[in-house]
Protein backbone atom coordinates (compact mmCIF):
# COMPACT_ATOMS: atom_id res chain seq x y z
CA MET A 1 0.00 0.00 0.00
CA LYS A 2 2.87 2.37 0.78
CA GLU A 3 4.42 1.79 -2.65
CA ASN A 4 1.17 2.71 -4.40
CA ALA A 5 -0.01 5.46 -2.05
CA SER A 6 -0.65 8.98 -3.24
CA VAL A 7 0.11 11.25 -0.28
CA TYR A 8 -1.02 14.86 -0.29
CA LYS A 9 -0.56 17.75 2.13
CA TRP A 10 -3.82 19.54 2.77
CA GLU A 11 -4.33 23.27 2.72
CA ALA A 12 -7.31 25.18 4.07
CA GLY A 13 -10.31 25.19 1.76
CA GLN A 14 -9.29 22.17 -0.32
CA PHE A 15 -11.45 19.07 -0.84
CA VAL A 16 -11.25 15.64 -2.44
CA ILE A 17 -13.93 13.27 -3.74
CA VAL A 18 -13.21 9.58 -3.19
CA ASP A 19 -15.09 6.59 -4.63
CA ASN A 20 -14.81 3.94 -1.93
CA SER A 21 -15.56 1.14 -4.40
CA VAL A 22 -12.33 1.69 -6.35
CA ALA A 23 -9.87 3.28 -3.90
CA TYR A 24 -8.68 2.87 -0.34
CA HIS A 25 -8.25 6.07 1.63
CA SER A 26 -6.85 7.00 5.00
CA ARG A 27 -5.34 9.96 6.82
CA GLN A 28 -2.23 10.60 8.80
CA PRO A 29 -2.38 12.38 12.20
CA PHE A 30 -3.27 16.05 11.89
CA LYS A 31 -4.39 19.04 13.93
CA GLY A 32 -7.48 21.08 13.30
CA PRO A 33 -11.10 20.43 12.24
CA ARG A 34 -12.32 18.68 9.12
CA ARG A 35 -15.77 18.14 7.59
CA VAL A 36 -16.83 14.88 5.93
CA PHE A 37 -19.74 14.46 3.54
CA ALA A 38 -20.91 11.03 2.38
CA ALA A 39 -23.11 9.96 -0.52
CA ILE A 40 -24.31 6.43 -1.27
CA ALA A 41 -25.10 5.34 -4.83
CA ASP A 42 -26.12 2.09 -6.47
CA GLY A 43 -23.17 1.97 -8.86
CA THR A 44 -23.17 0.54 -12.35
CA LYS A 45 -22.97 -3.20 -11.77
CA GLN A 46 -24.55 -4.74 -8.69
CA ILE A 47 -23.92 -8.38 -7.80
CA ASP A 48 -27.09 -9.58 -6.12
CA LEU A 49 -25.63 -12.50 -4.18
CA ASP A 50 -23.41 -12.63 -1.14
CA GLN A 51 -20.31 -13.70 -3.04
CA PRO A 52 -16.90 -12.11 -3.43
CA SER A 53 -16.30 -9.71 -6.30
CA VAL A 54 -13.48 -7.44 -7.42
CA THR A 55 -13.90 -3.86 -8.58
CA VAL A 56 -12.20 -3.33 -11.94
CA THR A 57 -10.82 -0.13 -13.44
CA SER A 58 -14.20 1.01 -14.82
CA GLY A 59 -15.85 0.72 -11.41
CA ASP A 60 -17.79 -2.41 -12.41
CA ARG A 61 -17.74 -5.31 -9.97
CA MET A 62 -16.69 -8.68 -11.41
CA PRO A 63 -17.71 -11.84 -9.52
CA MET A 64 -14.78 -14.00 -8.43
CA MET A 65 -16.56 -17.33 -8.99
CA GLY A 66 -17.45 -18.06 -12.59
CA LEU A 67 -18.24 -20.86 -15.00
CA GLY A 68 -15.65 -21.63 -17.66
CA LEU A 69 -17.25 -22.69 -20.94
CA TRP A 70 -14.23 -24.19 -22.71
CA LYS A 71 -14.85 -27.78 -23.84
CA ILE A 72 -18.50 -27.88 -22.76
CA PRO A 73 -20.27 -29.87 -25.52
CA ASN A 74 -22.77 -27.90 -27.59
CA GLU A 75 -25.61 -30.28 -26.81
CA LYS A 76 -25.14 -29.73 -23.06
CA CYS A 77 -24.14 -26.10 -23.00
CA GLU A 78 -27.58 -24.41 -22.87
CA GLN A 79 -28.68 -26.47 -19.87
CA VAL A 80 -25.34 -26.12 -18.07
CA VAL A 81 -25.47 -22.32 -18.38
CA TYR A 82 -29.06 -22.26 -17.15
CA ASP A 83 -28.25 -24.54 -14.22
CA ALA A 84 -25.19 -22.48 -13.31
CA ILE A 85 -27.21 -19.28 -13.17
CA LYS A 86 -29.83 -21.06 -11.07
CA VAL A 87 -27.15 -22.21 -8.62
CA GLY A 88 -25.90 -18.64 -8.30
CA TYR A 89 -23.14 -18.15 -10.87
CA ARG A 90 -23.07 -14.68 -12.35
CA LEU A 91 -19.79 -14.80 -14.30
CA LEU A 92 -19.82 -16.73 -17.58
CA ASP A 93 -16.45 -17.04 -19.30
CA SER A 94 -16.93 -17.64 -23.02
CA ALA A 95 -14.93 -17.25 -26.23
CA SER A 96 -15.59 -17.44 -29.95
CA ASP A 97 -13.04 -20.24 -30.23
CA TYR A 98 -15.05 -22.47 -27.89
CA GLY A 99 -17.65 -22.89 -30.62
CA ASN A 100 -20.64 -22.90 -28.24
CA GLU A 101 -21.63 -19.25 -27.88
CA LEU A 102 -24.98 -19.86 -29.61
CA GLU A 103 -25.85 -22.40 -26.91
CA VAL A 104 -24.46 -20.16 -24.17
CA GLY A 105 -26.76 -17.42 -25.42
CA LYS A 106 -29.77 -19.74 -25.33
CA GLY A 107 -29.02 -20.63 -21.73
CA ILE A 108 -28.73 -16.96 -20.82
CA GLN A 109 -31.96 -16.05 -22.57
CA LYS A 110 -33.83 -18.87 -20.88
CA ALA A 111 -32.58 -17.72 -17.48
CA LEU A 112 -33.61 -14.14 -18.25
CA GLN A 113 -37.05 -15.19 -19.46
CA ASP A 114 -37.63 -17.31 -16.34
CA GLY A 115 -36.69 -14.42 -14.09
CA LEU A 116 -33.68 -16.13 -12.54
CA VAL A 117 -31.55 -13.06 -13.13
CA THR A 118 -31.52 -9.71 -14.90
CA ARG A 119 -28.97 -8.81 -17.54
CA ASP A 120 -27.18 -6.27 -15.34
CA GLN A 121 -26.62 -8.96 -12.72
CA LEU A 122 -24.61 -11.08 -15.15
CA TRP A 123 -20.98 -10.69 -16.12
CA VAL A 124 -20.45 -12.17 -19.59
CA THR A 125 -16.93 -12.44 -20.98
CA SER A 126 -15.92 -13.31 -24.54
CA LYS A 127 -12.60 -13.31 -26.36
CA LEU A 128 -11.16 -12.23 -29.70
CA TRP A 129 -9.61 -15.11 -31.63
CA ASN A 130 -6.15 -15.10 -33.22
CA THR A 131 -7.45 -14.81 -36.79
CA ASP A 132 -9.27 -11.52 -36.12
CA HIS A 133 -6.42 -9.37 -34.80
CA ARG A 134 -6.38 -6.80 -37.62
CA LYS A 135 -8.28 -3.65 -36.66
CA GLU A 136 -10.74 -4.06 -39.53
CA HIS A 137 -11.80 -7.49 -38.21
CA VAL A 138 -12.09 -6.79 -34.47
CA LYS A 139 -15.53 -5.15 -34.44
CA ALA A 140 -17.02 -7.80 -36.72
CA ALA A 141 -15.70 -10.52 -34.42
CA CYS A 142 -17.21 -8.81 -31.40
CA LEU A 143 -20.55 -8.37 -33.16
CA LYS A 144 -20.54 -12.06 -34.11
CA SER A 145 -20.11 -13.06 -30.47
CA LEU A 146 -22.82 -10.62 -29.40
CA GLN A 147 -25.17 -12.02 -32.04
CA ASP A 148 -24.54 -15.60 -30.97
CA LEU A 149 -24.89 -14.76 -27.28
CA GLY A 150 -28.06 -12.76 -27.90
CA LEU A 151 -26.67 -9.71 -26.09
CA THR A 152 -26.31 -6.01 -26.84
CA TYR A 153 -23.06 -5.61 -24.92
CA LEU A 154 -20.30 -7.65 -23.28
CA ASP A 155 -19.08 -7.01 -19.77
CA LEU A 156 -15.57 -8.00 -20.81
CA TYR A 157 -13.90 -8.60 -24.17
CA MET A 158 -10.36 -9.98 -24.19
CA ILE A 159 -7.53 -10.75 -26.62
CA HIS A 160 -7.39 -14.54 -26.33
CA PHE A 161 -3.71 -15.06 -27.22
CA PRO A 162 -0.85 -12.75 -28.21
CA ILE A 163 -0.82 -14.62 -31.52
CA ALA A 164 -1.91 -13.10 -34.83
CA LEU A 165 -2.88 -15.58 -37.52
CA LYS A 166 -4.02 -15.09 -41.10
CA HIS A 167 -7.65 -13.98 -41.21
CA ILE A 168 -10.33 -16.54 -42.04
CA PRO A 169 -13.73 -15.04 -42.97
CA HIS A 170 -16.50 -16.10 -40.60
CA SER A 171 -18.52 -17.20 -43.62
CA SER A 172 -15.78 -19.67 -44.55
CA ARG A 173 -15.21 -21.32 -41.17
CA TYR A 174 -16.32 -20.41 -37.66
CA PRO A 175 -14.75 -20.80 -35.25
CA ALA A 176 -11.61 -20.53 -37.33
CA GLY A 177 -9.30 -22.73 -35.28
CA TRP A 178 -5.52 -22.60 -35.51
CA ASN A 179 -4.80 -23.62 -39.12
CA TYR A 180 -5.59 -21.64 -42.23
CA HIS A 181 -5.76 -24.96 -44.09
CA PRO A 182 -7.29 -27.40 -41.58
CA ASP A 183 -6.11 -30.40 -43.61
CA LYS A 184 -2.47 -29.29 -43.52
CA ALA A 185 0.04 -28.98 -40.72
CA GLY A 186 1.38 -25.56 -39.85
CA MET A 187 -0.02 -22.17 -38.90
CA GLU A 188 0.07 -19.06 -41.07
CA GLU A 189 1.08 -16.00 -39.07
CA ASP A 190 0.01 -12.43 -39.74
CA PRO A 191 2.38 -9.65 -38.55
CA VAL A 192 -0.23 -7.58 -36.71
CA PRO A 193 1.12 -5.38 -33.90
CA TYR A 194 -0.52 -6.11 -30.56
CA SER A 195 -1.03 -2.36 -30.16
CA GLU A 196 -3.24 -2.31 -33.28
CA THR A 197 -5.46 -5.05 -31.91
CA TYR A 198 -5.73 -3.47 -28.48
CA ALA A 199 -6.56 -0.04 -29.95
CA ALA A 200 -9.44 -1.67 -31.85
CA LEU A 201 -10.74 -3.07 -28.56
CA GLU A 202 -10.59 0.42 -27.06
CA GLU A 203 -12.89 1.62 -29.85
CA LEU A 204 -15.43 -1.02 -28.81
CA VAL A 205 -15.55 0.54 -25.34
CA LYS A 206 -16.18 3.98 -26.86
CA GLU A 207 -18.99 2.54 -28.98
CA GLY A 208 -20.63 0.89 -25.98
CA LEU A 209 -20.34 -2.64 -27.36
CA VAL A 210 -18.20 -3.72 -24.40
CA ARG A 211 -17.95 -2.32 -20.90
CA ASN A 212 -14.42 -3.53 -20.17
CA ILE A 213 -11.48 -4.92 -22.13
CA GLY A 214 -8.70 -7.25 -21.10
CA VAL A 215 -5.86 -9.49 -22.16
CA CYS A 216 -5.00 -13.17 -21.77
CA ASN A 217 -1.87 -15.28 -21.69
CA ILE A 218 0.77 -12.56 -21.48
CA GLY A 219 3.52 -11.93 -18.96
CA VAL A 220 4.94 -8.97 -17.07
CA ALA A 221 7.10 -7.61 -19.90
CA MET A 222 4.28 -7.55 -22.45
CA LEU A 223 1.79 -6.19 -19.90
CA ARG A 224 4.21 -3.41 -18.95
CA GLU A 225 4.61 -2.45 -22.62
CA LEU A 226 0.83 -2.48 -23.12
CA LEU A 227 0.35 -0.09 -20.22
CA SER A 228 2.79 2.34 -21.84
CA TYR A 229 0.43 2.99 -24.78
CA ALA A 230 -3.06 1.93 -23.66
CA SER A 231 -5.58 4.75 -23.37
CA VAL A 232 -8.06 2.36 -21.72
CA LYS A 233 -6.32 0.33 -19.03
CA PRO A 234 -7.02 -3.41 -19.25
CA ALA A 235 -9.57 -4.32 -16.60
CA VAL A 236 -8.60 -7.98 -16.35
CA LEU A 237 -5.64 -10.23 -17.06
CA GLN A 238 -6.58 -13.88 -17.60
CA ILE A 239 -3.83 -16.46 -17.10
CA GLU A 240 -3.38 -20.12 -16.31
CA GLY A 241 -3.26 -20.53 -12.54
CA HIS A 242 -3.32 -23.49 -10.14
CA PRO A 243 -1.15 -24.86 -7.30
CA TYR A 244 1.45 -26.12 -9.79
CA LEU A 245 1.57 -22.71 -11.57
CA VAL A 246 1.14 -19.97 -8.96
CA GLN A 247 2.65 -17.08 -11.01
CA GLU A 248 2.89 -14.91 -7.92
CA LYS A 249 5.10 -12.22 -9.47
CA LEU A 250 2.75 -11.75 -12.41
CA VAL A 251 -0.33 -11.66 -10.16
CA GLN A 252 1.30 -9.12 -7.86
CA PHE A 253 2.42 -6.94 -10.77
CA ALA A 254 -1.07 -6.87 -12.29
CA ARG A 255 -2.59 -6.06 -8.92
CA SER A 256 -0.09 -3.22 -8.39
CA LYS A 257 -1.36 -1.69 -11.63
CA GLY A 258 -5.01 -2.02 -10.63
CA ILE A 259 -5.67 -4.91 -13.01
CA ALA A 260 -7.84 -7.80 -11.77
CA VAL A 261 -6.64 -11.34 -12.41
CA THR A 262 -8.72 -14.32 -13.51
CA CYS A 263 -7.13 -17.76 -13.52
CA PHE A 264 -8.20 -20.62 -15.78
CA SER A 265 -7.43 -24.34 -15.45
CA ASN A 266 -7.91 -23.82 -11.72
CA LEU A 267 -7.53 -27.49 -10.85
CA GLY A 268 -4.52 -28.05 -13.08
CA ALA A 269 -4.22 -31.34 -14.93
CA GLY A 270 -7.95 -32.09 -14.99
CA SER A 271 -8.60 -29.71 -17.87
CA TYR A 272 -6.07 -31.48 -20.10
CA VAL A 273 -6.52 -35.20 -19.44
CA GLN A 274 -9.03 -35.71 -22.27
CA LEU A 275 -6.65 -33.84 -24.62
CA GLY A 276 -3.86 -36.28 -23.84
CA MET A 277 -1.75 -33.49 -22.36
CA ALA A 278 -1.89 -34.68 -18.74
CA THR A 279 -2.83 -37.68 -16.62
CA VAL A 280 -5.17 -38.00 -13.67
CA GLU A 281 -2.28 -39.22 -11.53
CA GLU A 282 -0.40 -35.93 -11.83
CA SER A 283 -3.31 -33.85 -10.51
CA CYS A 284 -2.59 -31.42 -7.69
CA LEU A 285 -5.75 -32.74 -6.04
CA ASN A 286 -3.76 -35.86 -5.13
CA GLU A 287 -1.26 -33.88 -3.05
CA ALA A 288 -1.21 -34.94 0.60
CA GLY A 289 -1.26 -31.35 1.81
CA VAL A 290 -4.34 -30.53 -0.23
CA ARG A 291 -6.14 -33.64 1.00
CA GLU A 292 -5.28 -32.87 4.62
CA ILE A 293 -6.64 -29.35 4.28
CA ALA A 294 -9.80 -30.66 2.61
CA ALA A 295 -10.34 -33.19 5.41
CA LYS A 296 -9.92 -30.50 8.05
CA HIS A 297 -12.61 -28.35 6.41
CA SER A 298 -14.90 -31.28 5.49
CA CYS A 299 -14.70 -30.33 1.84
CA THR A 300 -13.31 -31.85 -1.34
CA PRO A 301 -9.73 -31.24 -2.52
CA ALA A 302 -11.16 -29.32 -5.48
CA GLN A 303 -13.06 -26.99 -3.15
CA ALA A 304 -9.91 -26.37 -1.11
CA VAL A 305 -7.94 -25.46 -4.25
CA LEU A 306 -10.69 -23.16 -5.57
CA ARG A 307 -10.90 -21.42 -2.21
CA TRP A 308 -7.12 -20.99 -2.18
CA ALA A 309 -7.29 -19.24 -5.55
CA ILE A 310 -10.07 -16.89 -4.46
CA GLN A 311 -8.41 -16.09 -1.15
CA ARG A 312 -5.23 -15.09 -2.95
CA GLY A 313 -7.31 -12.57 -4.86
CA THR A 314 -7.82 -14.25 -8.23
CA ALA A 315 -11.17 -14.96 -9.86
CA VAL A 316 -11.78 -18.58 -10.89
CA ILE A 317 -13.70 -20.13 -13.81
CA PRO A 318 -13.83 -23.92 -13.28
CA LYS A 319 -15.60 -25.90 -16.00
CA THR A 320 -18.11 -28.68 -15.37
CA THR A 321 -21.23 -30.14 -16.99
CA SER A 322 -22.55 -31.69 -13.76
CA ILE A 323 -25.10 -29.78 -11.69
CA GLU A 324 -23.73 -31.50 -8.58
CA ARG A 325 -20.23 -30.25 -9.38
CA LEU A 326 -21.59 -26.79 -10.19
CA GLN A 327 -22.97 -26.64 -6.66
CA GLU A 328 -19.84 -28.15 -5.15
CA ASN A 329 -17.58 -25.60 -6.83
CA PHE A 330 -19.87 -22.73 -5.82
CA ASP A 331 -19.92 -23.93 -2.21
CA SER A 332 -16.16 -23.44 -2.01
CA LEU A 333 -17.06 -19.81 -1.30
CA LYS A 334 -18.14 -20.91 2.19
CA ILE A 335 -14.65 -22.11 3.16
CA ASN A 336 -11.96 -20.01 4.82
CA LEU A 337 -8.37 -21.22 4.81
CA THR A 338 -5.77 -20.21 7.37
CA ASP A 339 -2.56 -18.43 6.41
CA ASP A 340 -0.63 -21.66 6.99
CA GLU A 341 -3.01 -23.60 4.74
CA MET A 342 -2.67 -20.96 2.04
CA THR A 343 1.11 -21.27 2.26
CA THR A 344 0.96 -25.07 2.11
CA ILE A 345 -0.89 -24.97 -1.20
CA SER A 346 1.22 -22.14 -2.64
CA LYS A 347 4.39 -24.11 -1.94
CA LEU A 348 3.25 -26.80 -4.37
CA ASP A 349 4.31 -24.46 -7.19
CA LYS A 350 6.33 -26.23 -9.90
CA ASN A 351 6.04 -23.53 -12.58
CA HIS A 352 4.32 -26.25 -14.61
CA ARG A 353 2.25 -24.91 -17.49
CA TYR A 354 -0.30 -27.05 -19.34
CA ASN A 355 -1.67 -24.46 -21.79
CA ASP A 356 1.44 -23.52 -23.79
CA PRO A 357 1.20 -22.86 -27.56
CA GLY A 358 4.93 -23.46 -27.76
CA VAL A 359 4.20 -27.08 -26.90
CA PHE A 360 0.77 -27.95 -28.24
CA CYS A 361 1.16 -26.08 -31.55
CA LYS A 362 4.33 -28.00 -32.24
CA LEU A 363 2.69 -31.33 -31.39
CA ALA A 364 -0.59 -30.68 -33.20
CA PHE A 365 0.40 -28.52 -36.16
CA GLY A 366 4.13 -28.84 -36.52
CA THR A 367 4.59 -25.12 -35.87
CA PHE A 368 6.83 -23.89 -33.07
CA TYR A 369 5.03 -20.89 -31.58
CA PRO A 370 6.35 -20.03 -28.11
CA ILE A 371 4.82 -17.13 -26.18
CA TYR A 372 6.48 -18.03 -22.87
CA GLU A 373 10.20 -18.17 -22.18
């Protein structure tokens, strides 16, 4: 707090207006009288449930427990989204590349029609795919996601990867995937500056199509460079995060810049077993320390790990198609870990990354495309 504090010496007759939802404030010892006026307002985004949220740079409040929609089958997606909203989820993490935004939209519309929730109580995220990085394609990509989701605006729109690939018209193939020629190995790059793509996202904010913008899968160096030219500060950084990949320095850097952090693949290996990129045996949920903590709190190892992530200040977006698991994941909000338990889980860090284009692009497409050192 001291490193980020703005300290000011008062003079008679001066005043300051502080929004308590986006800034901490305090005073040092002083002599003399002062007058305080307070006003209470509803704000722009109210979360109607008693669940943790984080205030982002725009002043909107983003829930810290969400549903990740990657790899949810199309035939199940509508019902899963509806069930999640019924359980209490308000954050839905989608992307054009997931190929199920039409079904996500149907689930949202059904929940709205049944009165389970109002639109302003939801936080809907989508992401710009690699093939739409040129400025002339960004708005069309956003509008396509909005059309599929049945929405007039997104709460958050993010650059999915810092990878620019040759554009594929939506009329030709959607979602585009990684390869320009799906029957051939290799990816076709497009030399689009990241700054061009981000500037196009900033225009979407000005037009009211999105409330907040963010970035995914980048590190400190790239985030620092982005902040040097961004006119709209990224609201959220989304990264892989679990006990085997804690990324504490990156999380702390983002937080020091007022950027919220969402972590995906919250349970580690589980998200990648069906892709052949991990095994059940290597799951962090098998760790003795995690199991001991879970037993102490009468919860599952998965709940303990999700609570660890939230308590360290990162939003989570675990994926499931089971209504029982939806409830189980949501109930992790009821747990409180001790400082020692938090440390026990954090010390499991192996800097082990599952979602690395430098690995899976080489294996799947024969193209070496590293974005991490």
